[in-house]
N, C-alpha and C. Protein backbone atom coordinates (compact mmCIF):
# COMPACT_ATOMS: atom_id res chain seq x y z
N MET A 1 15.27 201.51 74.75
CA MET A 1 16.03 202.27 74.34
C MET A 1 16.82 202.11 72.88
N ALA A 2 16.94 203.28 72.18
CA ALA A 2 17.47 202.64 70.80
C ALA A 2 18.38 203.59 70.49
N ILE A 3 19.60 202.97 69.90
CA ILE A 3 20.68 204.03 69.50
C ILE A 3 20.46 204.40 68.27
N VAL A 4 20.85 205.84 68.10
CA VAL A 4 20.68 206.47 66.85
C VAL A 4 21.83 206.90 66.46
N SER A 5 21.96 206.74 65.39
CA SER A 5 23.30 207.21 64.77
C SER A 5 23.22 208.34 63.92
N ARG A 6 22.45 209.20 64.36
CA ARG A 6 22.11 210.41 63.17
C ARG A 6 22.57 211.55 63.72
N GLN A 7 23.73 212.21 63.00
CA GLN A 7 24.28 213.77 63.63
C GLN A 7 23.41 214.65 63.53
N ASN A 8 22.26 214.76 63.23
CA ASN A 8 21.01 215.77 62.94
C ASN A 8 19.95 215.35 63.98
N LEU A 9 19.86 214.10 64.65
CA LEU A 9 19.05 213.89 66.26
C LEU A 9 18.91 214.99 66.82
N PRO A 10 18.15 215.76 67.65
CA PRO A 10 18.05 217.08 68.39
C PRO A 10 17.94 216.41 69.64
N VAL A 11 18.92 215.71 69.98
CA VAL A 11 19.20 215.54 71.63
C VAL A 11 20.59 215.21 71.47
N GLU A 12 21.06 215.08 72.80
CA GLU A 12 22.87 215.10 72.99
C GLU A 12 23.38 214.34 71.99
N SER A 13 24.53 214.79 71.21
CA SER A 13 25.01 213.42 70.31
C SER A 13 26.58 213.54 70.98
N VAL A 14 27.23 212.37 71.02
CA VAL A 14 28.13 212.18 71.40
C VAL A 14 29.26 211.42 70.12
N MET A 15 30.11 212.40 70.03
CA MET A 15 31.21 211.75 68.79
C MET A 15 32.43 211.72 68.84
N ALA A 16 32.93 210.37 68.38
CA ALA A 16 34.61 210.45 68.98
C ALA A 16 35.73 211.17 68.61
N GLN A 17 36.37 211.96 69.56
CA GLN A 17 37.31 212.47 69.31
C GLN A 17 38.52 212.08 68.34
N GLU A 18 39.36 212.81 67.84
CA GLU A 18 40.21 211.92 67.02
C GLU A 18 41.10 211.56 67.72
N GLN A 19 41.77 211.88 68.72
CA GLN A 19 42.67 210.89 69.49
C GLN A 19 42.01 210.17 70.43
N GLU A 20 40.67 209.97 70.17
CA GLU A 20 40.09 208.41 71.11
C GLU A 20 39.99 207.63 70.17
N LYS A 21 39.94 207.79 68.68
CA LYS A 21 39.68 206.43 67.51
C LYS A 21 40.13 205.32 67.99
N LEU A 22 41.97 205.53 68.21
CA LEU A 22 42.35 203.88 68.36
C LEU A 22 41.92 203.35 69.34
N SER A 23 41.67 203.82 70.54
CA SER A 23 41.06 203.19 72.08
C SER A 23 39.72 202.75 71.44
N ILE A 24 38.78 203.46 70.80
CA ILE A 24 37.32 202.76 70.12
C ILE A 24 37.70 201.53 69.21
N LYS A 25 38.61 201.73 68.26
CA LYS A 25 38.72 200.36 67.71
C LYS A 25 39.26 199.48 68.56
N GLN A 26 39.98 199.56 69.26
CA GLN A 26 40.59 198.41 70.42
C GLN A 26 39.29 197.62 71.25
N LEU A 27 38.67 198.79 71.60
CA LEU A 27 37.53 198.67 72.30
C LEU A 27 36.45 197.44 71.43
N GLU A 28 36.08 198.18 70.46
CA GLU A 28 35.03 197.53 69.64
C GLU A 28 35.35 196.00 69.40
N SER A 29 36.93 195.81 69.38
CA SER A 29 37.36 194.59 69.09
C SER A 29 37.44 193.61 70.12
N ILE A 30 37.48 194.06 71.71
CA ILE A 30 37.32 193.08 72.58
C ILE A 30 35.75 193.06 72.95
N LEU A 31 35.01 193.91 72.45
CA LEU A 31 33.43 193.81 72.75
C LEU A 31 33.03 192.88 71.66
N GLN A 32 33.45 192.29 70.95
CA GLN A 32 32.96 191.64 69.56
C GLN A 32 32.60 189.85 70.15
N PHE A 33 33.88 189.86 71.10
CA PHE A 33 33.58 188.24 71.80
C PHE A 33 32.52 187.98 72.65
N GLU A 34 31.74 187.07 71.61
CA GLU A 34 30.24 186.24 72.47
C GLU A 34 30.75 185.83 73.61
N GLY A 35 29.83 185.82 74.19
CA GLY A 35 29.99 185.32 75.60
C GLY A 35 30.83 185.80 76.88
N SER A 36 31.22 186.63 76.42
CA SER A 36 32.27 187.11 77.35
C SER A 36 31.47 187.68 78.51
N GLN A 37 31.79 188.00 79.52
CA GLN A 37 31.28 188.97 80.74
C GLN A 37 32.23 190.07 81.00
N ALA A 38 31.77 190.92 80.69
CA ALA A 38 31.96 192.47 80.96
C ALA A 38 32.24 192.67 82.16
N ARG A 39 33.16 193.57 82.99
CA ARG A 39 33.02 193.76 83.94
C ARG A 39 33.43 195.62 83.83
N LEU A 40 32.65 196.27 84.69
CA LEU A 40 33.10 197.88 85.24
C LEU A 40 33.96 197.73 86.30
N VAL A 41 35.02 198.44 86.51
CA VAL A 41 35.90 198.87 87.22
C VAL A 41 35.83 200.27 87.67
N VAL A 42 35.58 200.95 88.69
CA VAL A 42 35.55 202.41 89.15
C VAL A 42 36.03 202.92 90.59
N ASN A 43 36.84 203.18 90.11
CA ASN A 43 37.76 203.64 91.54
C ASN A 43 37.68 202.21 92.92
N GLY A 44 38.24 201.25 91.81
CA GLY A 44 38.70 199.60 92.41
C GLY A 44 37.30 198.96 92.74
N GLU A 45 36.18 199.52 92.93
CA GLU A 45 34.97 198.84 92.46
C GLU A 45 34.58 198.15 91.66
N GLU A 46 34.41 196.64 91.67
CA GLU A 46 34.02 196.27 90.38
C GLU A 46 32.72 195.44 90.49
N ILE A 47 31.84 195.95 88.80
CA ILE A 47 30.29 195.36 88.99
C ILE A 47 30.14 194.71 87.61
N THR A 48 29.44 193.83 87.23
CA THR A 48 29.44 192.88 86.21
C THR A 48 28.31 193.78 85.70
N ILE A 49 28.66 194.00 84.12
CA ILE A 49 27.69 194.87 83.11
C ILE A 49 26.54 193.84 82.65
N PRO A 50 25.34 194.38 82.96
CA PRO A 50 24.07 193.37 82.54
C PRO A 50 24.55 193.24 80.94
N ASP A 51 23.60 191.96 80.56
CA ASP A 51 23.81 191.88 79.18
C ASP A 51 23.11 192.95 78.37
N SER A 52 22.20 193.91 78.86
CA SER A 52 21.03 194.74 77.78
C SER A 52 21.96 196.00 77.98
N VAL A 53 22.86 196.11 78.97
CA VAL A 53 23.69 197.45 79.17
C VAL A 53 24.82 197.26 78.18
N TYR A 54 25.39 195.60 77.90
CA TYR A 54 26.78 195.70 77.56
C TYR A 54 26.04 195.29 75.72
N GLN A 55 24.67 195.04 75.47
CA GLN A 55 24.63 195.37 73.84
C GLN A 55 24.44 196.37 73.37
N VAL A 56 23.85 197.85 74.47
CA VAL A 56 23.97 199.02 74.06
C VAL A 56 25.12 199.21 73.86
N LEU A 57 26.22 198.46 74.40
CA LEU A 57 27.69 199.27 75.02
C LEU A 57 28.23 199.05 73.20
N ARG A 58 28.08 197.66 73.05
CA ARG A 58 28.35 197.13 71.79
C ARG A 58 27.94 198.08 70.67
N GLN A 59 26.82 198.26 70.31
CA GLN A 59 26.30 198.79 69.44
C GLN A 59 26.73 200.19 69.28
N ALA A 60 26.90 201.07 70.61
CA ALA A 60 27.33 202.41 70.35
C ALA A 60 28.85 202.59 70.02
N VAL A 61 29.49 201.97 70.44
CA VAL A 61 31.00 201.42 70.01
C VAL A 61 31.15 201.13 68.71
N HIS A 62 30.17 200.43 68.32
CA HIS A 62 30.65 199.89 66.74
C HIS A 62 30.41 201.38 65.79
N ALA A 63 29.29 201.70 66.33
CA ALA A 63 28.94 203.00 65.44
C ALA A 63 29.99 204.21 65.90
N MET A 64 30.55 204.52 67.18
CA MET A 64 31.39 205.62 66.85
C MET A 64 32.58 204.67 66.29
N ALA A 65 33.35 203.72 66.05
CA ALA A 65 34.19 203.16 65.54
C ALA A 65 33.96 203.28 64.07
N LEU A 66 32.90 203.53 63.68
CA LEU A 66 32.73 203.85 62.15
C LEU A 66 32.35 205.57 61.89
N GLY A 67 32.69 206.13 63.19
CA GLY A 67 33.24 207.81 62.80
C GLY A 67 31.56 208.51 63.34
N LYS A 68 30.44 207.72 63.29
CA LYS A 68 29.13 208.23 63.21
C LYS A 68 29.05 208.92 65.04
N ALA A 69 27.99 209.88 65.05
CA ALA A 69 27.30 210.66 66.28
C ALA A 69 26.60 209.28 67.09
N ILE A 70 26.84 209.32 68.20
CA ILE A 70 25.58 208.33 68.82
C ILE A 70 24.71 209.59 69.50
N SER A 71 23.43 208.77 69.96
CA SER A 71 22.34 209.29 70.77
C SER A 71 21.86 208.37 71.37
N ILE A 72 21.75 208.42 72.44
CA ILE A 72 20.83 207.29 72.92
C ILE A 72 19.07 208.11 73.21
N VAL A 73 18.20 207.78 72.82
CA VAL A 73 17.05 207.99 73.38
C VAL A 73 15.84 207.16 73.91
N PRO A 74 15.70 207.46 75.04
CA PRO A 74 14.60 206.64 75.46
C PRO A 74 13.57 206.48 74.71
N GLN A 75 12.92 205.29 74.51
CA GLN A 75 11.56 205.04 73.87
C GLN A 75 10.32 205.96 73.75
N GLU A 76 10.49 206.62 75.03
CA GLU A 76 8.75 207.18 75.28
C GLU A 76 9.28 208.43 75.01
N ARG A 77 10.39 209.14 74.80
CA ARG A 77 10.18 210.19 74.78
C ARG A 77 9.67 211.25 73.66
N GLU A 78 9.18 212.08 73.68
CA GLU A 78 8.39 212.95 72.87
C GLU A 78 8.89 213.87 71.99
N LEU A 79 9.22 214.47 70.58
CA LEU A 79 10.17 214.80 70.31
C LEU A 79 8.71 216.20 69.60
N THR A 80 9.56 217.28 69.31
CA THR A 80 8.59 218.50 68.74
C THR A 80 8.76 218.01 67.05
N THR A 81 7.69 218.74 66.56
CA THR A 81 7.37 218.37 64.59
C THR A 81 9.46 218.61 64.11
N GLN A 82 9.79 219.58 64.74
CA GLN A 82 11.04 219.80 64.15
C GLN A 82 12.05 218.76 64.41
N GLN A 83 12.21 218.14 65.27
CA GLN A 83 12.84 217.22 65.89
C GLN A 83 12.65 215.95 65.11
N ALA A 84 10.86 215.83 65.04
CA ALA A 84 10.55 214.54 64.37
C ALA A 84 10.98 214.45 63.20
N ALA A 85 10.81 215.86 61.86
CA ALA A 85 11.06 215.60 60.97
C ALA A 85 12.69 215.64 60.44
N GLU A 86 13.42 216.08 61.39
CA GLU A 86 14.56 216.18 61.09
C GLU A 86 15.15 214.41 61.30
N PHE A 87 14.61 213.58 62.20
CA PHE A 87 14.73 212.25 62.27
C PHE A 87 14.53 211.39 61.13
N LEU A 88 13.10 211.84 60.83
CA LEU A 88 12.75 211.12 59.19
C LEU A 88 13.52 211.42 58.22
N ASN A 89 14.18 212.70 58.62
CA ASN A 89 14.91 213.08 56.94
C ASN A 89 13.77 213.65 56.12
N VAL A 90 12.49 214.46 56.53
CA VAL A 90 11.35 214.90 55.63
C VAL A 90 11.48 216.39 56.30
N SER A 91 10.66 217.38 55.35
CA SER A 91 10.33 218.69 55.80
C SER A 91 9.56 218.48 57.00
N ARG A 92 9.07 219.44 57.77
CA ARG A 92 8.12 219.61 58.46
C ARG A 92 6.83 219.64 57.98
N PRO A 93 6.60 220.52 57.17
CA PRO A 93 5.26 220.54 56.58
C PRO A 93 4.71 218.87 56.25
N TYR A 94 5.89 218.59 55.58
CA TYR A 94 5.68 217.04 55.14
C TYR A 94 5.40 216.29 56.09
N LEU A 95 5.73 216.41 57.37
CA LEU A 95 5.53 215.58 58.65
C LEU A 95 4.16 216.24 59.28
N ILE A 96 3.81 217.64 59.41
CA ILE A 96 2.67 218.16 59.78
C ILE A 96 1.54 217.25 58.85
N LYS A 97 1.86 217.18 57.37
CA LYS A 97 0.66 216.42 56.60
C LYS A 97 0.78 214.63 57.05
N LEU A 98 1.68 214.31 57.62
CA LEU A 98 1.62 212.58 57.86
C LEU A 98 1.06 212.74 58.92
N LEU A 99 1.43 213.52 60.33
CA LEU A 99 0.31 213.65 61.19
C LEU A 99 -1.00 213.81 61.47
N GLU A 100 -1.20 214.60 60.40
CA GLU A 100 -3.02 215.18 60.39
C GLU A 100 -3.83 214.30 59.42
N GLN A 101 -2.92 213.19 58.66
CA GLN A 101 -3.66 212.50 58.10
C GLN A 101 -3.57 211.09 58.83
N GLY A 102 -3.29 210.80 60.13
CA GLY A 102 -3.39 209.85 60.95
C GLY A 102 -1.94 209.11 60.57
N GLU A 103 -1.38 208.94 59.69
CA GLU A 103 0.01 208.33 59.42
C GLU A 103 0.67 208.02 60.45
N ILE A 104 0.85 209.08 61.65
CA ILE A 104 2.18 209.15 62.78
C ILE A 104 1.15 209.27 63.62
N PRO A 105 0.86 208.71 64.92
CA PRO A 105 0.36 209.54 65.94
C PRO A 105 0.83 210.32 66.39
N TYR A 106 -0.03 211.41 67.32
CA TYR A 106 0.69 212.69 68.00
C TYR A 106 -0.21 212.99 69.43
N VAL A 107 0.32 214.00 70.08
CA VAL A 107 -0.34 214.84 71.11
C VAL A 107 -0.14 216.20 71.19
N MET A 108 -1.14 216.72 71.38
CA MET A 108 -1.05 218.01 71.79
C MET A 108 -0.59 218.53 72.98
N VAL A 109 0.57 219.72 72.79
CA VAL A 109 0.70 219.88 74.47
C VAL A 109 0.46 221.64 74.14
N GLY A 110 -0.69 221.72 74.68
CA GLY A 110 -0.98 223.31 74.49
C GLY A 110 -1.47 223.58 73.21
N THR A 111 -0.41 224.38 72.57
CA THR A 111 -0.96 224.18 70.59
C THR A 111 -0.01 223.57 69.88
N HIS A 112 1.33 222.87 70.67
CA HIS A 112 2.25 222.49 69.82
C HIS A 112 1.80 220.71 70.04
N ARG A 113 1.89 220.24 68.96
CA ARG A 113 2.36 218.84 68.66
C ARG A 113 3.71 218.18 68.99
N ARG A 114 3.25 217.05 69.68
CA ARG A 114 4.37 216.16 70.22
C ARG A 114 4.29 214.72 69.58
N VAL A 115 5.33 214.39 68.95
CA VAL A 115 5.49 212.70 68.53
C VAL A 115 6.50 211.76 69.82
N ARG A 116 5.75 211.08 69.92
CA ARG A 116 6.62 209.86 70.57
C ARG A 116 7.88 209.12 69.86
N PHE A 117 8.97 209.13 70.02
CA PHE A 117 9.96 208.69 69.42
C PHE A 117 9.55 207.46 69.08
N GLU A 118 9.13 206.68 69.99
CA GLU A 118 8.78 204.75 69.61
C GLU A 118 7.65 204.74 68.23
N ASP A 119 6.98 206.14 68.06
CA ASP A 119 6.07 205.75 67.33
C ASP A 119 6.81 206.35 65.82
N LEU A 120 7.82 207.06 65.86
CA LEU A 120 8.48 207.59 64.50
C LEU A 120 9.20 206.45 64.22
N VAL A 121 9.98 205.58 65.15
CA VAL A 121 10.88 204.38 64.78
C VAL A 121 10.04 203.55 64.11
N LYS A 122 8.80 203.39 64.70
CA LYS A 122 7.80 202.29 64.11
C LYS A 122 7.49 202.67 62.58
N TYR A 123 6.73 203.90 62.35
CA TYR A 123 6.86 204.63 61.09
C TYR A 123 7.52 204.62 60.13
N LYS A 124 9.01 204.64 60.30
CA LYS A 124 10.04 204.34 59.67
C LYS A 124 10.33 203.17 59.37
N LYS A 125 10.24 202.42 60.35
CA LYS A 125 10.25 200.48 59.78
C LYS A 125 9.36 200.47 58.47
N GLN A 126 8.22 200.82 58.98
CA GLN A 126 6.93 200.68 58.01
C GLN A 126 7.24 201.16 56.69
N ARG A 127 7.62 202.26 56.64
CA ARG A 127 8.10 203.14 55.64
C ARG A 127 9.21 202.55 54.77
N ASP A 128 10.20 201.91 55.43
CA ASP A 128 11.04 201.44 54.64
C ASP A 128 10.70 200.25 54.42
N SER A 129 10.26 199.24 54.96
CA SER A 129 9.50 198.21 54.19
C SER A 129 8.86 197.92 52.91
N LYS A 130 8.12 198.93 53.28
CA LYS A 130 6.94 199.17 51.88
C LYS A 130 8.22 199.60 50.27
N ARG A 131 9.00 200.58 50.95
CA ARG A 131 9.66 201.17 49.99
C ARG A 131 10.37 199.79 49.33
N SER A 132 11.31 198.90 50.20
CA SER A 132 11.78 197.54 49.79
C SER A 132 10.89 196.90 48.58
N GLN A 133 9.67 196.69 49.29
CA GLN A 133 8.96 195.84 48.31
C GLN A 133 8.37 196.67 47.00
N LEU A 134 8.16 197.84 46.79
CA LEU A 134 8.11 198.47 45.81
C LEU A 134 8.91 198.38 44.88
N LEU A 135 10.27 198.70 45.21
CA LEU A 135 11.33 198.26 44.41
C LEU A 135 11.53 197.24 44.03
N GLN A 136 11.19 196.07 44.56
CA GLN A 136 11.35 194.78 43.99
C GLN A 136 10.31 194.55 43.11
N GLN A 137 9.29 195.22 43.43
CA GLN A 137 8.06 194.50 42.63
C GLN A 137 8.55 195.50 40.98
N LEU A 138 9.05 196.55 41.49
CA LEU A 138 9.55 197.70 39.86
C LEU A 138 10.48 197.03 39.10
N ILE A 139 11.52 196.08 40.21
CA ILE A 139 12.66 195.07 39.33
C ILE A 139 12.32 194.29 38.55
N GLU A 140 11.04 193.47 39.33
CA GLU A 140 10.15 192.36 38.66
C GLU A 140 9.55 193.00 37.30
N MET A 141 8.95 193.84 37.20
CA MET A 141 8.31 194.23 35.93
C MET A 141 9.02 194.94 35.22
N SER A 142 10.48 195.44 35.63
CA SER A 142 11.28 195.98 34.29
C SER A 142 12.04 194.37 34.26
N GLU A 143 12.17 193.37 34.46
CA GLU A 143 12.72 192.41 34.41
C GLU A 143 11.88 191.87 33.07
N GLU A 144 10.44 191.40 33.64
CA GLU A 144 9.72 190.77 32.76
C GLU A 144 9.51 191.58 30.94
N ALA A 145 9.39 193.19 31.39
CA ALA A 145 9.87 193.91 30.06
C ALA A 145 11.12 193.89 29.28
N GLY A 146 12.32 193.08 29.77
CA GLY A 146 13.50 193.10 29.18
C GLY A 146 13.97 194.39 29.39
N LEU A 147 13.82 195.12 30.40
CA LEU A 147 14.88 196.36 30.38
C LEU A 147 15.73 196.26 31.51
N TYR A 148 15.62 194.96 32.37
CA TYR A 148 16.45 195.23 33.78
C TYR A 148 17.23 193.57 33.57
N GLU A 149 18.32 193.53 33.90
CA GLU A 149 18.80 191.87 34.33
C GLU A 149 19.16 192.50 35.43
N TYR A 150 18.92 191.29 36.30
CA TYR A 150 19.36 191.25 37.94
C TYR A 150 20.40 189.69 37.76
N ASP A 151 21.46 190.07 38.08
CA ASP A 151 22.83 189.00 38.53
C ASP A 151 22.57 188.85 39.75
N GLU A 152 22.41 187.41 40.30
CA GLU A 152 22.24 186.73 41.83
C GLU A 152 23.92 186.42 41.80
């Protein structure tokens, strides 16, 4: 699962209501304690929350405390091209171009393209990594030319 805090992701998103913000901040501070064993009590029945669920809960509560909307998307979920374009924050025609160039895998469902969420996340990570490398190269070239001073 991936926790995605983008308000325009086309799945059911949850955003904290104004009256919930204080409770969410308190919950966030409680969930920050490492090594704690969280328990859920419902109608008097108590169960230990598995670590994997606890980690998802921590991430979701942290994002909500920052005022972000939360969507939980199973990795195998397939999105329409419009939904995929919104996730990548690109236009739909640009996304179609990426699909047709083989940059992102897709499947055809009838006459419609579908993109796996997992493939979008992988592409986004690669794209972001490549951007960071190119930016670093540009900074180094600018420094060598005396056009940029980087203070560490």
